[in-house]
Amino acid sequence: MKKLLLLLITLTILANISYASFPITENNTVLTTTNFAVDHEDDEDNEPSLIILILRGLLVLAVLGTALFFIIRTWWRGWKKRNWWARKLVPLVLLCLLPTFLVPYVGHLISIALLILLGLKLLIRFMAKR
């Protein structure tokens, strides 16, 4: 798994670096003029069809559903093994994220502040054990 992730990161970096890394010395633009009739009645055809919208929605649901399945499975296995992060940390994080959905406009700021305070508390607790 680590090798696959490393390969993916390497290929992504290589693609970003090598894209258009050669110099362009000439301006090879050609000016063309074409006269064509514009049919303004087909403006409704520019919208995606219902089939494409349904397929896109199914793809999003499949990706989010798969991710949610693996997150819940990992949490459930941790809960059964009585791991501290499954028993204490996950409910605290979810509790800290609650203002994001309940308080309009500033809920996300409250959640960030609560998560920072939770992180500091855990850091202090971890350092006290050493």
C-alpha atoms as a PDB file:
ATOM      1  CA  MET A   1       0.000   0.000   0.000  1.00  0.00           C
ATOM      2  CA  LYS A   2       2.848   2.368   0.833  1.00  0.00           C
ATOM      3  CA  LYS A   3       4.543   1.636  -2.488  1.00  0.00           C
ATOM      4  CA  LEU A   4       1.323   2.321  -4.380  1.00  0.00           C
ATOM      5  CA  LEU A   5       0.822   5.623  -2.572  1.00  0.00           C
ATOM      6  CA  LEU A   6       4.445   6.604  -3.208  1.00  0.00           C
ATOM      7  CA  LEU A   7       4.037   5.739  -6.900  1.00  0.00           C
ATOM      8  CA  LEU A   8       0.874   7.853  -7.125  1.00  0.00           C
ATOM      9  CA  ILE A   9       2.561  10.833  -5.470  1.00  0.00           C
ATOM     10  CA  THR A  10       5.602  10.471  -7.727  1.00  0.00           C
ATOM     11  CA  LEU A  11       3.508  10.332 -10.882  1.00  0.00           C
ATOM     12  CA  THR A  12       1.476  13.355  -9.800  1.00  0.00           C
ATOM     13  CA  ILE A  13       4.597  15.398  -9.083  1.00  0.00           C
ATOM     14  CA  LEU A  14       6.175  14.293 -12.361  1.00  0.00           C
ATOM     15  CA  ALA A  15       3.062  15.265 -14.322  1.00  0.00           C
ATOM     16  CA  ASN A  16       2.924  18.690 -12.674  1.00  0.00           C
ATOM     17  CA  ILE A  17       6.614  19.425 -13.192  1.00  0.00           C
ATOM     18  CA  SER A  18       6.929  18.172 -16.756  1.00  0.00           C
ATOM     19  CA  TYR A  19       3.823  19.893 -18.071  1.00  0.00           C
ATOM     20  CA  ALA A  20       4.862  22.520 -20.654  1.00  0.00           C
ATOM     21  CA  SER A  21       8.411  22.655 -19.390  1.00  0.00           C
ATOM     22  CA  PHE A  22       9.806  23.219 -22.886  1.00  0.00           C
ATOM     23  CA  PRO A  23      10.401  26.745 -24.203  1.00  0.00           C
ATOM     24  CA  ILE A  24       8.083  28.156 -26.844  1.00  0.00           C
ATOM     25  CA  THR A  25      10.114  30.343 -29.192  1.00  0.00           C
ATOM     26  CA  GLU A  26       7.715  31.166 -32.012  1.00  0.00           C
ATOM     27  CA  ASN A  27       4.244  32.529 -32.115  1.00  0.00           C
ATOM     28  CA  ASN A  28       2.465  30.162 -34.483  1.00  0.00           C
ATOM     29  CA  THR A  29      -1.024  31.591 -34.274  1.00  0.00           C
ATOM     30  CA  VAL A  30      -3.153  31.692 -37.386  1.00  0.00           C
ATOM     31  CA  LEU A  31      -5.993  34.165 -37.682  1.00  0.00           C
ATOM     32  CA  THR A  32      -9.035  32.593 -39.248  1.00  0.00           C
ATOM     33  CA  THR A  33     -12.380  34.137 -39.872  1.00  0.00           C
ATOM     34  CA  THR A  34     -15.371  31.935 -40.301  1.00  0.00           C
ATOM     35  CA  ASN A  35     -18.892  33.047 -40.902  1.00  0.00           C
ATOM     36  CA  PHE A  36     -21.571  30.787 -39.559  1.00  0.00           C
ATOM     37  CA  ALA A  37     -25.156  31.176 -38.554  1.00  0.00           C
ATOM     38  CA  VAL A  38     -25.938  31.090 -34.851  1.00  0.00           C
ATOM     39  CA  ASP A  39     -29.142  29.352 -33.938  1.00  0.00           C
ATOM     40  CA  HIS A  40     -30.362  30.849 -30.671  1.00  0.00           C
ATOM     41  CA  GLU A  41     -33.197  28.361 -30.330  1.00  0.00           C
ATOM     42  CA  ASP A  42     -30.809  25.626 -29.135  1.00  0.00           C
ATOM     43  CA  ASP A  43     -29.892  27.386 -25.882  1.00  0.00           C
ATOM     44  CA  GLU A  44     -31.671  24.656 -23.928  1.00  0.00           C
ATOM     45  CA  ASP A  45     -29.314  22.037 -25.365  1.00  0.00           C
ATOM     46  CA  ASN A  46     -26.368  23.577 -23.501  1.00  0.00           C
ATOM     47  CA  GLU A  47     -27.668  22.177 -20.234  1.00  0.00           C
ATOM     48  CA  PRO A  48     -26.540  18.645 -19.360  1.00  0.00           C
ATOM     49  CA  SER A  49     -29.112  15.976 -20.009  1.00  0.00           C
ATOM     50  CA  LEU A  50     -30.965  14.197 -17.242  1.00  0.00           C
ATOM     51  CA  ILE A  51     -29.024  10.979 -17.847  1.00  0.00           C
ATOM     52  CA  ILE A  52     -25.689  12.736 -17.316  1.00  0.00           C
ATOM     53  CA  LEU A  53     -26.948  14.352 -14.113  1.00  0.00           C
ATOM     54  CA  ILE A  54     -28.178  10.998 -12.802  1.00  0.00           C
ATOM     55  CA  LEU A  55     -24.889   9.268 -13.673  1.00  0.00           C
ATOM     56  CA  ARG A  56     -22.889  12.040 -12.032  1.00  0.00           C
ATOM     57  CA  GLY A  57     -25.036  11.780  -8.910  1.00  0.00           C
ATOM     58  CA  LEU A  58     -24.576   8.007  -8.819  1.00  0.00           C
ATOM     59  CA  LEU A  59     -20.817   8.413  -9.168  1.00  0.00           C
ATOM     60  CA  VAL A  60     -20.696  10.910  -6.304  1.00  0.00           C
ATOM     61  CA  LEU A  61     -22.850   8.616  -4.157  1.00  0.00           C
ATOM     62  CA  ALA A  62     -20.637   5.635  -4.966  1.00  0.00           C
ATOM     63  CA  VAL A  63     -17.444   7.483  -4.020  1.00  0.00           C
ATOM     64  CA  LEU A  64     -18.883   9.014  -0.851  1.00  0.00           C
ATOM     65  CA  GLY A  65     -20.595   5.764   0.106  1.00  0.00           C
ATOM     66  CA  THR A  66     -17.369   3.793  -0.275  1.00  0.00           C
ATOM     67  CA  ALA A  67     -15.424   6.312   1.782  1.00  0.00           C
ATOM     68  CA  LEU A  68     -18.110   6.364   4.462  1.00  0.00           C
ATOM     69  CA  PHE A  69     -18.167   2.548   4.548  1.00  0.00           C
ATOM     70  CA  PHE A  70     -14.432   2.318   5.184  1.00  0.00           C
ATOM     71  CA  ILE A  71     -14.493   5.094   7.800  1.00  0.00           C
ATOM     72  CA  ILE A  72     -17.370   3.458   9.705  1.00  0.00           C
ATOM     73  CA  ARG A  73     -15.745   0.008   9.421  1.00  0.00           C
ATOM     74  CA  THR A  74     -12.461   1.333  10.815  1.00  0.00           C
ATOM     75  CA  TRP A  75     -14.255   3.084  13.669  1.00  0.00           C
ATOM     76  CA  TRP A  76     -16.329  -0.032  14.456  1.00  0.00           C
ATOM     77  CA  ARG A  77     -13.244  -2.246  14.581  1.00  0.00           C
ATOM     78  CA  GLY A  78     -11.564   0.254  16.892  1.00  0.00           C
ATOM     79  CA  TRP A  79     -14.669   0.333  19.081  1.00  0.00           C
ATOM     80  CA  LYS A  80     -14.704  -3.450  19.406  1.00  0.00           C
ATOM     81  CA  LYS A  81     -10.987  -3.475  20.276  1.00  0.00           C
ATOM     82  CA  ARG A  82     -11.615  -0.722  22.842  1.00  0.00           C
ATOM     83  CA  ASN A  83      -9.154   1.729  21.272  1.00  0.00           C
ATOM     84  CA  TRP A  84      -9.068   5.137  22.946  1.00  0.00           C
ATOM     85  CA  TRP A  85      -9.516   7.039  19.691  1.00  0.00           C
ATOM     86  CA  ALA A  86     -12.732   5.174  18.871  1.00  0.00           C
ATOM     87  CA  ARG A  87     -14.166   5.481  22.367  1.00  0.00           C
ATOM     88  CA  LYS A  88     -13.194   9.052  23.218  1.00  0.00           C
ATOM     89  CA  LEU A  89     -11.617  10.973  20.365  1.00  0.00           C
ATOM     90  CA  VAL A  90     -14.157  10.396  17.573  1.00  0.00           C
ATOM     91  CA  PRO A  91     -17.196  11.441  19.665  1.00  0.00           C
ATOM     92  CA  LEU A  92     -15.309  14.533  20.851  1.00  0.00           C
ATOM     93  CA  VAL A  93     -14.382  15.506  17.295  1.00  0.00           C
ATOM     94  CA  LEU A  94     -17.974  15.025  16.149  1.00  0.00           C
ATOM     95  CA  LEU A  95     -19.153  17.119  19.082  1.00  0.00           C
ATOM     96  CA  CYS A  96     -16.675  19.844  18.126  1.00  0.00           C
ATOM     97  CA  LEU A  97     -17.935  19.799  14.533  1.00  0.00           C
ATOM     98  CA  LEU A  98     -21.564  20.180  15.585  1.00  0.00           C
ATOM     99  CA  PRO A  99     -21.560  24.035  15.567  1.00  0.00           C
ATOM    100  CA  THR A 100     -20.633  23.943  11.874  1.00  0.00           C
ATOM    101  CA  PHE A 101     -24.085  22.618  11.072  1.00  0.00           C
ATOM    102  CA  LEU A 102     -26.099  24.354  13.782  1.00  0.00           C
ATOM    103  CA  VAL A 103     -24.771  27.920  13.893  1.00  0.00           C
ATOM    104  CA  PRO A 104     -25.003  29.897  10.655  1.00  0.00           C
ATOM    105  CA  TYR A 105     -22.090  32.035   9.380  1.00  0.00           C
ATOM    106  CA  VAL A 106     -19.705  31.539  12.323  1.00  0.00           C
ATOM    107  CA  GLY A 107     -20.284  27.875  13.139  1.00  0.00           C
ATOM    108  CA  HIS A 108     -17.201  26.741  11.281  1.00  0.00           C
ATOM    109  CA  LEU A 109     -15.065  29.237  13.204  1.00  0.00           C
ATOM    110  CA  ILE A 110     -16.420  27.915  16.492  1.00  0.00           C
ATOM    111  CA  SER A 111     -15.703  24.352  15.354  1.00  0.00           C
ATOM    112  CA  ILE A 112     -12.123  25.227  14.404  1.00  0.00           C
ATOM    113  CA  ALA A 113     -11.549  26.867  17.781  1.00  0.00           C
ATOM    114  CA  LEU A 114     -12.986  23.824  19.592  1.00  0.00           C
ATOM    115  CA  LEU A 115     -10.829  21.438  17.554  1.00  0.00           C
ATOM    116  CA  ILE A 116      -7.713  23.490  18.332  1.00  0.00           C
ATOM    117  CA  LEU A 117      -8.556  23.429  22.043  1.00  0.00           C
ATOM    118  CA  LEU A 118      -9.144  19.674  21.866  1.00  0.00           C
ATOM    119  CA  GLY A 119      -5.823  19.195  20.107  1.00  0.00           C
ATOM    120  CA  LEU A 120      -4.016  21.276  22.737  1.00  0.00           C
ATOM    121  CA  LYS A 121      -5.674  19.298  25.527  1.00  0.00           C
ATOM    122  CA  LEU A 122      -4.618  16.002  23.952  1.00  0.00           C
ATOM    123  CA  LEU A 123      -1.090  17.320  23.415  1.00  0.00           C
ATOM    124  CA  ILE A 124      -0.788  18.412  27.041  1.00  0.00           C
ATOM    125  CA  ARG A 125      -2.183  15.061  28.184  1.00  0.00           C
ATOM    126  CA  PHE A 126       0.257  13.191  25.940  1.00  0.00           C
ATOM    127  CA  MET A 127       3.232  15.243  27.169  1.00  0.00           C
ATOM    128  CA  ALA A 128       2.223  14.704  30.810  1.00  0.00           C
ATOM    129  CA  LYS A 129       2.373  10.915  30.344  1.00  0.00           C
ATOM    130  CA  ARG A 130       6.006  11.120  29.229  1.00  0.00           C
END
